[in-house]
Amino acid sequence: QVQLVESGGGLVQPGGSLRLSCAASGTIFSFNRMAWYRQAPGKERESVAGIISGGSTNYSDSVKGRFTISRGNAKNTVYLQMNSLKPEDTAVYYCNAGWTSRGMEYWGKGTLVTVSS
């Protein structure tokens, strides 16, 4: 059974930084796509950043230039470096991973990021 576990969330002041991590277990195959989503209180879940095999990345306009997604050396790990955090970045951040050609994807349970002074 594939499981994704996020870590690294917490409370940070505006302008600060956090690094989220996501590690997968339960598969020997490398995901061809890994991504981060977030859901703020009272809002829909939205895409934050994604990375596919080969290293191409995409970002939402709201985080472009501040957040960086990367894959780790360990198989099926992904990171989200978040800099210049704003109060509006407060949300539960979810890791997503899968094989797009198979239409299979998995979700972590999320990690809370709170940006507040």
C-alpha atoms as a PDB file:
ATOM      1  CA  GLN A   1       0.000   0.000   0.000  1.00  0.00           C
ATOM      2  CA  VAL A   2       1.438   3.320  -1.053  1.00  0.00           C
ATOM      3  CA  GLN A   3       1.676   5.924   1.678  1.00  0.00           C
ATOM      4  CA  LEU A   4       2.871   9.507   1.538  1.00  0.00           C
ATOM      5  CA  VAL A   5       4.022  11.220   4.724  1.00  0.00           C
ATOM      6  CA  GLU A   6       4.602  14.959   4.912  1.00  0.00           C
ATOM      7  CA  SER A   7       6.697  16.744   7.503  1.00  0.00           C
ATOM      8  CA  GLY A   8       8.157  20.166   8.149  1.00  0.00           C
ATOM      9  CA  GLY A   9       5.087  22.256   8.782  1.00  0.00           C
ATOM     10  CA  GLY A  10       4.784  24.652  11.663  1.00  0.00           C
ATOM     11  CA  LEU A  11       4.409  28.241  12.747  1.00  0.00           C
ATOM     12  CA  VAL A  12       6.579  30.851  11.062  1.00  0.00           C
ATOM     13  CA  GLN A  13       6.588  34.625  10.997  1.00  0.00           C
ATOM     14  CA  PRO A  14       5.855  36.553   7.804  1.00  0.00           C
ATOM     15  CA  GLY A  15       8.969  36.717   5.684  1.00  0.00           C
ATOM     16  CA  GLY A  16      10.311  33.500   7.128  1.00  0.00           C
ATOM     17  CA  SER A  17      11.073  30.161   5.515  1.00  0.00           C
ATOM     18  CA  LEU A  18      10.056  26.546   5.897  1.00  0.00           C
ATOM     19  CA  ARG A  19      11.003  23.367   4.095  1.00  0.00           C
ATOM     20  CA  LEU A  20       8.398  20.677   3.661  1.00  0.00           C
ATOM     21  CA  SER A  21       9.326  17.089   2.994  1.00  0.00           C
ATOM     22  CA  CYS A  22       7.336  14.190   1.635  1.00  0.00           C
ATOM     23  CA  ALA A  23       8.453  10.589   1.622  1.00  0.00           C
ATOM     24  CA  ALA A  24       6.636   7.706   0.032  1.00  0.00           C
ATOM     25  CA  SER A  25       6.611   4.057   0.950  1.00  0.00           C
ATOM     26  CA  GLY A  26       4.951   0.967  -0.387  1.00  0.00           C
ATOM     27  CA  THR A  27       6.240   0.991  -3.949  1.00  0.00           C
ATOM     28  CA  ILE A  28       9.479   0.127  -5.699  1.00  0.00           C
ATOM     29  CA  PHE A  29       8.583   2.232  -8.733  1.00  0.00           C
ATOM     30  CA  SER A  30       9.443   5.884  -9.078  1.00  0.00           C
ATOM     31  CA  PHE A  31       6.497   8.220  -9.440  1.00  0.00           C
ATOM     32  CA  ASN A  32       6.616  10.162 -12.673  1.00  0.00           C
ATOM     33  CA  ARG A  33       4.957  13.151 -11.017  1.00  0.00           C
ATOM     34  CA  MET A  34       5.128  14.542  -7.496  1.00  0.00           C
ATOM     35  CA  ALA A  35       3.429  17.701  -6.364  1.00  0.00           C
ATOM     36  CA  TRP A  36       2.316  19.889  -3.504  1.00  0.00           C
ATOM     37  CA  TYR A  37      -1.197  21.201  -2.980  1.00  0.00           C
ATOM     38  CA  ARG A  38      -2.630  23.285  -0.205  1.00  0.00           C
ATOM     39  CA  GLN A  39      -5.986  24.032   1.325  1.00  0.00           C
ATOM     40  CA  ALA A  40      -6.604  27.152   3.335  1.00  0.00           C
ATOM     41  CA  PRO A  41      -9.489  27.366   5.807  1.00  0.00           C
ATOM     42  CA  GLY A  42     -12.750  27.764   3.944  1.00  0.00           C
ATOM     43  CA  LYS A  43     -11.156  27.406   0.531  1.00  0.00           C
ATOM     44  CA  GLU A  44     -10.773  24.748  -2.124  1.00  0.00           C
ATOM     45  CA  ARG A  45      -7.618  22.695  -2.388  1.00  0.00           C
ATOM     46  CA  GLU A  46      -5.261  24.273  -4.904  1.00  0.00           C
ATOM     47  CA  SER A  47      -2.124  23.264  -6.722  1.00  0.00           C
ATOM     48  CA  VAL A  48       1.079  24.838  -5.451  1.00  0.00           C
ATOM     49  CA  ALA A  49       3.901  23.173  -7.380  1.00  0.00           C
ATOM     50  CA  GLY A  50       4.650  20.036  -9.340  1.00  0.00           C
ATOM     51  CA  ILE A  51       7.664  18.219 -10.701  1.00  0.00           C
ATOM     52  CA  ILE A  52       7.809  15.469 -13.304  1.00  0.00           C
ATOM     53  CA  SER A  53      10.403  12.954 -14.382  1.00  0.00           C
ATOM     54  CA  GLY A  54      13.199  14.811 -16.068  1.00  0.00           C
ATOM     55  CA  GLY A  55      12.914  17.694 -13.660  1.00  0.00           C
ATOM     56  CA  SER A  56      10.401  20.026 -15.263  1.00  0.00           C
ATOM     57  CA  THR A  57       8.537  22.051 -12.676  1.00  0.00           C
ATOM     58  CA  ASN A  58       5.465  24.225 -12.528  1.00  0.00           C
ATOM     59  CA  TYR A  59       4.226  26.666  -9.919  1.00  0.00           C
ATOM     60  CA  SER A  60       1.079  28.556  -9.167  1.00  0.00           C
ATOM     61  CA  ASP A  61       1.356  32.266  -9.806  1.00  0.00           C
ATOM     62  CA  SER A  62       0.888  32.975  -6.106  1.00  0.00           C
ATOM     63  CA  VAL A  63       4.099  31.172  -5.117  1.00  0.00           C
ATOM     64  CA  LYS A  64       6.273  31.598  -8.185  1.00  0.00           C
ATOM     65  CA  GLY A  65       9.649  33.046  -7.236  1.00  0.00           C
ATOM     66  CA  ARG A  66       9.186  32.229  -3.555  1.00  0.00           C
ATOM     67  CA  PHE A  67       8.731  28.448  -3.460  1.00  0.00           C
ATOM     68  CA  THR A  68      10.950  25.765  -4.963  1.00  0.00           C
ATOM     69  CA  ILE A  69       9.982  22.148  -5.497  1.00  0.00           C
ATOM     70  CA  SER A  70      12.667  19.496  -5.803  1.00  0.00           C
ATOM     71  CA  ARG A  71      13.031  15.756  -5.670  1.00  0.00           C
ATOM     72  CA  GLY A  72      15.391  14.150  -3.236  1.00  0.00           C
ATOM     73  CA  ASN A  73      18.121  11.644  -3.916  1.00  0.00           C
ATOM     74  CA  ALA A  74      16.087   8.997  -2.159  1.00  0.00           C
ATOM     75  CA  LYS A  75      13.460   7.488  -4.374  1.00  0.00           C
ATOM     76  CA  ASN A  76      10.040   9.075  -4.189  1.00  0.00           C
ATOM     77  CA  THR A  77      10.903  11.987  -1.941  1.00  0.00           C
ATOM     78  CA  VAL A  78       9.973  15.549  -2.704  1.00  0.00           C
ATOM     79  CA  TYR A  79      10.624  18.837  -0.988  1.00  0.00           C
ATOM     80  CA  LEU A  80       9.041  22.255  -1.017  1.00  0.00           C
ATOM     81  CA  GLN A  81      11.311  25.103   0.010  1.00  0.00           C
ATOM     82  CA  MET A  82       9.120  28.033   0.970  1.00  0.00           C
ATOM     83  CA  ASN A  83      10.696  31.464   1.333  1.00  0.00           C
ATOM     84  CA  SER A  84       9.274  34.931   1.938  1.00  0.00           C
ATOM     85  CA  LEU A  85       6.199  33.384   3.485  1.00  0.00           C
ATOM     86  CA  LYS A  86       3.035  35.450   3.726  1.00  0.00           C
ATOM     87  CA  PRO A  87      -0.007  35.089   5.976  1.00  0.00           C
ATOM     88  CA  GLU A  88      -1.994  34.018   2.917  1.00  0.00           C
ATOM     89  CA  ASP A  89       0.279  30.980   2.593  1.00  0.00           C
ATOM     90  CA  THR A  90      -1.320  29.605   5.746  1.00  0.00           C
ATOM     91  CA  ALA A  91      -2.860  26.263   4.837  1.00  0.00           C
ATOM     92  CA  VAL A  92      -2.620  22.527   5.167  1.00  0.00           C
ATOM     93  CA  TYR A  93      -0.075  21.382   2.600  1.00  0.00           C
ATOM     94  CA  TYR A  94      -0.585  18.024   0.951  1.00  0.00           C
ATOM     95  CA  CYS A  95       1.850  15.862  -0.946  1.00  0.00           C
ATOM     96  CA  ASN A  96       0.544  14.234  -4.120  1.00  0.00           C
ATOM     97  CA  ALA A  97       2.292  11.634  -6.227  1.00  0.00           C
ATOM     98  CA  GLY A  98       1.498   9.188  -8.944  1.00  0.00           C
ATOM     99  CA  TRP A  99       1.817   7.838 -12.425  1.00  0.00           C
ATOM    100  CA  THR A 100      -0.064  10.047 -14.812  1.00  0.00           C
ATOM    101  CA  SER A 101      -0.062   7.484 -17.636  1.00  0.00           C
ATOM    102  CA  ARG A 102      -1.891   5.032 -15.393  1.00  0.00           C
ATOM    103  CA  GLY A 103      -4.229   7.585 -13.900  1.00  0.00           C
ATOM    104  CA  MET A 104      -3.051   6.621 -10.428  1.00  0.00           C
ATOM    105  CA  GLU A 105      -2.314   9.129  -7.710  1.00  0.00           C
ATOM    106  CA  TYR A 106      -1.919   9.179  -3.970  1.00  0.00           C
ATOM    107  CA  TRP A 107      -2.270  11.793  -1.250  1.00  0.00           C
ATOM    108  CA  GLY A 108      -0.627  12.377   2.075  1.00  0.00           C
ATOM    109  CA  LYS A 109      -2.579  13.456   5.131  1.00  0.00           C
ATOM    110  CA  GLY A 110      -1.123  16.955   5.108  1.00  0.00           C
ATOM    111  CA  THR A 111       1.018  19.180   7.254  1.00  0.00           C
ATOM    112  CA  LEU A 112      -0.137  22.519   8.645  1.00  0.00           C
ATOM    113  CA  VAL A 113       1.766  25.686   7.816  1.00  0.00           C
ATOM    114  CA  THR A 114       0.798  28.788   9.754  1.00  0.00           C
ATOM    115  CA  VAL A 115       2.297  32.142   8.847  1.00  0.00           C
ATOM    116  CA  SER A 116       1.605  34.649  11.572  1.00  0.00           C
ATOM    117  CA  SER A 117       3.317  37.199  13.742  1.00  0.00           C
END
